[in-house]
Protein backbone atom coordinates (compact mmCIF):
# COMPACT_ATOMS: atom_id res chain seq x y z
CA MET A 1 19.49 46.80 -26.66
CA GLU A 2 17.53 46.42 -23.40
CA LYS A 3 14.62 44.84 -25.31
CA ASN A 4 16.95 42.26 -26.87
CA GLU A 5 18.41 41.43 -23.46
CA SER A 6 14.90 41.10 -22.01
CA ALA A 7 13.82 38.79 -24.85
CA THR A 8 16.96 36.72 -24.39
CA SER A 9 16.31 36.49 -20.65
CA ARG A 10 12.71 35.35 -21.24
CA THR A 11 13.89 32.75 -23.76
CA GLU A 12 16.49 31.43 -21.32
CA HIS A 13 13.87 31.32 -18.53
CA MET A 14 11.42 29.40 -20.74
CA GLY A 15 14.21 27.05 -21.77
CA GLU A 16 15.03 26.42 -18.11
CA GLN A 17 11.35 25.73 -17.35
CA VAL A 18 11.12 23.21 -20.19
CA LYS A 19 14.34 21.57 -19.04
CA ASN A 20 13.09 21.30 -15.45
CA ARG A 21 9.75 19.87 -16.62
CA LEU A 22 11.47 17.25 -18.79
CA GLU A 23 13.82 16.34 -15.93
CA SER A 24 10.83 16.06 -13.60
CA GLU A 25 8.95 13.85 -16.07
CA ASP A 26 12.06 11.71 -16.55
CA THR A 27 12.45 11.34 -12.76
CA MET A 28 8.78 10.40 -12.39
CA GLY A 29 9.10 7.88 -15.21
CA LYS A 30 12.08 6.25 -13.50
CA LEU A 31 10.21 6.09 -10.18
CA ILE A 32 7.39 4.20 -11.87
CA THR A 33 9.74 1.89 -13.78
CA ASP A 34 12.11 1.15 -10.89
CA TYR A 35 9.91 1.37 -7.82
CA GLY A 36 6.25 1.54 -8.88
CA GLN A 37 5.93 4.93 -7.15
CA ILE A 38 4.97 8.42 -8.27
CA LYS A 39 3.67 11.74 -6.93
CA LEU A 40 0.11 12.81 -7.80
CA MET A 41 -0.30 16.60 -7.62
CA ASN A 42 -2.61 17.77 -10.43
CA ASN A 43 -5.87 17.21 -8.54
CA ARG A 44 -8.46 19.96 -7.91
CA PHE A 45 -7.26 20.48 -4.34
CA HIS A 46 -3.56 20.62 -5.31
CA HIS A 47 -2.82 17.98 -2.70
CA ARG A 48 0.48 16.15 -3.09
CA ILE A 49 -0.18 12.43 -2.88
CA HIS A 50 2.43 9.70 -2.88
CA LEU A 51 1.28 6.70 -4.94
CA LEU A 52 2.73 3.36 -3.87
CA ASN A 53 2.16 0.33 -6.10
CA ILE A 54 2.64 -3.10 -4.44
CA ILE A 55 2.43 -5.83 -7.05
CA GLY A 56 3.44 -9.43 -7.68
CA GLU A 57 5.31 -11.14 -4.87
CA ILE A 58 6.65 -9.42 -1.77
CA GLU A 59 10.39 -10.00 -1.88
CA GLY A 60 12.14 -10.50 1.43
CA HIS A 61 15.75 -11.33 2.32
CA GLU A 62 16.17 -13.69 -0.64
CA CYS A 63 16.12 -12.39 -4.22
CA LEU A 64 13.51 -13.96 -6.46
CA GLY A 65 14.03 -14.89 -10.10
CA ALA A 66 14.63 -12.23 -12.75
CA GLN A 67 11.32 -13.08 -14.45
CA ALA A 68 9.25 -12.67 -11.28
CA LYS A 69 7.18 -9.54 -10.68
CA THR A 70 8.23 -8.39 -7.20
CA SER A 71 7.88 -5.57 -4.71
CA LYS A 72 11.11 -5.17 -2.75
CA TYR A 73 10.89 -4.11 0.87
CA GLU A 74 14.28 -2.35 0.69
CA HIS A 75 12.75 -0.02 -1.92
CA ILE A 76 9.41 0.51 -0.20
CA LEU A 77 10.46 1.13 3.42
CA PRO A 78 12.73 4.15 2.67
CA GLN A 79 10.04 5.69 0.48
CA LEU A 80 7.49 5.34 3.27
CA ALA A 81 9.93 7.09 5.61
CA VAL A 82 10.11 9.94 3.08
CA VAL A 83 6.30 10.14 3.01
CA GLU A 84 6.23 10.62 6.78
CA ASP A 85 9.15 13.07 6.87
CA ASN A 86 8.35 15.25 3.84
CA ASP A 87 6.02 18.15 4.73
CA GLU A 88 5.16 18.61 1.05
CA ILE A 89 3.44 15.20 0.90
CA ASP A 90 -0.16 15.34 2.10
CA GLY A 91 -1.26 11.72 1.84
CA LEU A 92 -0.57 8.18 0.66
CA LEU A 93 -2.49 5.98 -1.80
CA VAL A 94 -1.49 2.30 -1.89
CA LEU A 95 -2.53 0.14 -4.88
CA LEU A 96 -2.36 -3.60 -4.20
CA ASN A 97 -2.28 -6.53 -6.60
CA THR A 98 -0.17 -9.13 -4.83
CA VAL A 99 -0.03 -12.89 -4.44
CA GLY A 100 1.68 -12.51 -1.06
CA GLY A 101 5.27 -13.48 -0.39
CA ASP A 102 7.78 -13.04 2.41
CA VAL A 103 5.83 -12.84 5.68
CA GLU A 104 8.21 -10.68 7.71
CA ALA A 105 8.87 -8.27 4.82
CA GLY A 106 5.16 -7.92 4.13
CA LEU A 107 4.34 -7.39 7.79
CA ALA A 108 7.13 -4.81 8.09
CA ILE A 109 5.67 -2.84 5.17
CA ALA A 110 2.17 -3.10 6.64
CA GLU A 111 3.38 -1.83 10.03
CA MET A 112 5.22 1.02 8.31
CA ILE A 113 2.11 2.10 6.36
CA ALA A 114 -0.09 1.88 9.44
CA SER A 115 2.34 3.98 11.50
CA ILE A 116 2.38 6.91 9.04
CA SER A 117 0.64 9.91 10.60
CA LYS A 118 -0.61 11.30 7.29
CA PRO A 119 -3.92 10.24 5.71
CA LYS A 120 -3.58 6.94 3.84
CA VAL A 121 -5.94 4.83 1.73
CA THR A 122 -5.40 1.34 0.34
CA LEU A 123 -7.09 -0.13 -2.73
CA VAL A 124 -7.06 -3.84 -3.62
CA LEU A 125 -7.00 -4.42 -7.39
CA GLY A 126 -6.81 -7.94 -8.78
CA GLY A 127 -5.64 -9.67 -5.62
CA GLY A 128 -4.62 -9.09 -2.04
CA HIS A 129 -3.65 -12.62 -1.03
CA SER A 130 -1.83 -14.09 1.94
CA ILE A 131 0.47 -11.45 3.50
CA GLY A 132 -1.33 -9.03 1.19
CA VAL A 133 -4.21 -9.10 3.70
CA PRO A 134 -2.31 -7.14 6.42
CA LEU A 135 -1.09 -4.78 3.71
CA ALA A 136 -4.67 -4.24 2.51
CA VAL A 137 -5.95 -3.29 5.98
CA SER A 138 -3.06 -0.96 6.86
CA GLY A 139 -4.73 2.21 5.57
CA ASP A 140 -7.01 4.60 7.44
CA VAL A 141 -9.76 3.64 4.98
CA THR A 142 -9.56 0.54 2.79
CA PHE A 143 -11.16 -0.22 -0.60
CA ILE A 144 -11.53 -3.22 -2.87
CA VAL A 145 -12.86 -3.36 -6.44
CA PRO A 146 -15.81 -5.75 -7.05
CA SER A 147 -13.73 -8.25 -9.07
CA ALA A 148 -10.70 -8.40 -6.75
CA THR A 149 -10.06 -11.45 -4.58
CA MET A 150 -8.42 -12.00 -1.23
CA VAL A 151 -7.19 -15.47 -0.27
CA VAL A 152 -6.99 -15.58 3.53
CA HIS A 153 -4.99 -18.58 4.75
CA PRO A 154 -2.46 -19.58 7.43
CA ILE A 155 1.29 -19.26 6.92
CA ARG A 156 2.76 -21.63 4.35
CA MET A 157 6.37 -22.70 4.74
CA ASN A 158 8.53 -23.29 1.65
CA GLY A 159 11.39 -25.75 1.48
CA THR A 160 12.41 -28.27 4.12
CA VAL A 161 11.15 -27.57 7.62
CA LEU A 162 12.29 -29.60 10.61
CA GLY A 163 9.26 -31.07 12.37
CA VAL A 164 10.34 -30.08 15.86
CA ARG A 165 8.39 -28.29 18.58
CA GLN A 166 10.46 -25.09 18.36
CA ASN A 167 9.63 -24.65 14.65
CA TYR A 168 5.93 -25.18 15.22
CA GLU A 169 5.96 -22.66 18.07
CA TYR A 170 7.79 -20.10 15.91
CA ILE A 171 5.25 -20.53 13.08
CA GLU A 172 2.39 -20.23 15.54
CA ARG A 173 3.78 -17.02 17.03
CA MET A 174 4.27 -15.55 13.57
CA GLN A 175 0.71 -16.53 12.70
CA ASP A 176 -0.50 -14.76 15.84
CA ARG A 177 1.37 -11.60 14.79
CA ILE A 178 -0.45 -11.55 11.46
CA ILE A 179 -3.84 -12.18 13.06
CA ASP A 180 -3.26 -9.55 15.77
CA PHE A 181 -2.24 -6.91 13.22
CA THR A 182 -5.08 -7.67 10.81
CA ALA A 183 -7.80 -7.80 13.47
CA SER A 184 -6.58 -4.54 15.04
CA HIS A 185 -6.74 -2.68 11.71
CA CYS A 186 -10.14 -3.78 10.43
CA ALA A 187 -13.66 -4.53 11.67
CA VAL A 188 -13.37 -8.33 11.78
CA ARG A 189 -13.10 -9.95 15.22
CA GLU A 190 -10.04 -12.12 15.90
CA GLU A 191 -12.16 -15.27 16.40
CA GLU A 192 -13.95 -14.74 13.10
CA LEU A 193 -10.66 -14.06 11.30
CA ARG A 194 -9.30 -17.36 12.56
CA GLU A 195 -12.41 -19.12 11.26
CA ILE A 196 -11.94 -17.52 7.82
CA MET A 197 -8.24 -18.34 7.81
CA PHE A 198 -8.53 -21.98 8.93
CA ASN A 199 -11.60 -22.85 6.86
CA THR A 200 -11.29 -26.46 5.56
CA LYS A 201 -14.28 -26.49 3.20
CA GLU A 202 -13.34 -24.03 0.45
CA LEU A 203 -9.86 -24.74 -0.95
CA THR A 204 -9.34 -28.23 -2.35
CA LYS A 205 -5.61 -28.53 -1.59
CA ASP A 206 -5.28 -26.11 1.29
CA ILE A 207 -7.15 -24.45 4.14
CA GLY A 208 -8.41 -20.89 4.03
CA SER A 209 -11.07 -18.77 2.33
CA VAL A 210 -11.44 -16.86 -0.94
CA LEU A 211 -13.25 -13.54 -0.55
CA VAL A 212 -14.34 -11.71 -3.71
CA GLY A 213 -14.93 -7.95 -3.65
CA ARG A 214 -18.01 -7.26 -1.57
CA GLN A 215 -17.51 -10.45 0.49
CA ALA A 216 -14.35 -8.94 1.97
CA VAL A 217 -16.40 -5.91 3.02
CA GLU A 218 -19.28 -8.02 4.39
CA ARG A 219 -16.83 -10.02 6.52
CA GLY A 220 -15.35 -6.81 7.92
CA ILE A 221 -11.84 -7.11 6.49
CA ILE A 222 -12.16 -4.22 3.99
CA ASP A 223 -14.13 -1.03 4.62
CA ARG A 224 -15.69 -0.22 1.25
CA VAL A 225 -16.23 -1.46 -2.31
CA GLY A 226 -14.92 1.00 -4.90
CA GLY A 227 -12.26 1.83 -7.45
CA VAL A 228 -9.63 4.52 -7.80
CA HIS A 229 -12.16 7.37 -8.10
CA ARG A 230 -13.79 6.59 -4.74
CA ALA A 231 -10.43 5.87 -3.13
CA LEU A 232 -8.97 9.23 -4.22
CA ASP A 233 -12.11 11.13 -3.22
CA CYS A 234 -11.89 9.53 0.22
CA LEU A 235 -8.20 10.46 0.52
CA TYR A 236 -8.95 14.07 -0.48
CA ASP A 237 -11.62 14.19 2.24
CA LEU A 238 -9.19 12.81 4.85
CA ILE A 239 -6.53 15.36 3.86
CA ASN A 240 -9.01 18.25 3.85
CA SER A 241 -10.33 17.18 7.24
CA LYS A 242 -6.83 17.06 8.71
CA LYS A 243 -5.90 20.46 7.27
CA ASN A 244 -9.14 22.03 8.53
CA SER A 245 -8.48 20.54 11.97
CA LYS A 246 -5.03 22.16 12.04
CA ILE A 247 -6.53 25.52 11.02
CA SER A 248 -9.08 25.25 13.85
CA GLU A 249 -6.33 24.44 16.36
CA ASN A 250 -4.30 27.47 15.21
CA ASP A 251 -7.34 29.73 15.65
CA PHE A 252 -7.26 28.94 19.35
């Protein structure tokens, strides 16, 4: 009788484990589908890494069309707060393939990433254009794949804009915010960044520069050329270094 009860208990326990695993997989699947986010935890160090995927156009206060690929700041900002607050999350990996978008929303996300105290690495895949540039430099260490491009240009205004002094001053101040943030989070000097951004010789219908892979590293905007393998290895190293530092502090 006791053996039968034990077997039943084991069966129920296994059934509960399978149920929890399926629920976990379903939750992870929904996070990817709805928010482009997932937890990575099966690595050799057993670090828990939050993966944030920023793709398409950065959506701000106005909703874009149903057919547009967008990253919504109202989804991303709360998740970044969770990354900072959750002690079970060790680090953050940000994958970028964006054409840019809403300036204030993009800058808010970039500031949020940069302010996270946990190790964070960004990787540009495909494109990191426009407001994607501040997002790309917001990590502790930044990567770009050889074929990815970054279009660095001044703010573009959509729709009708009144040609009055106050509007021009507002645009200029916003431009300064982007330049200040970018220059303070990468190796490029502010003067050189302005030269790259206001280049008149490269784009036929606009001003700015196109940097491909290694060029972004040579100009000092991105730290290293590499893909997801190098980016993850770097993040593991940052996490290990931080954990070892804490152990050393506790020894004292």
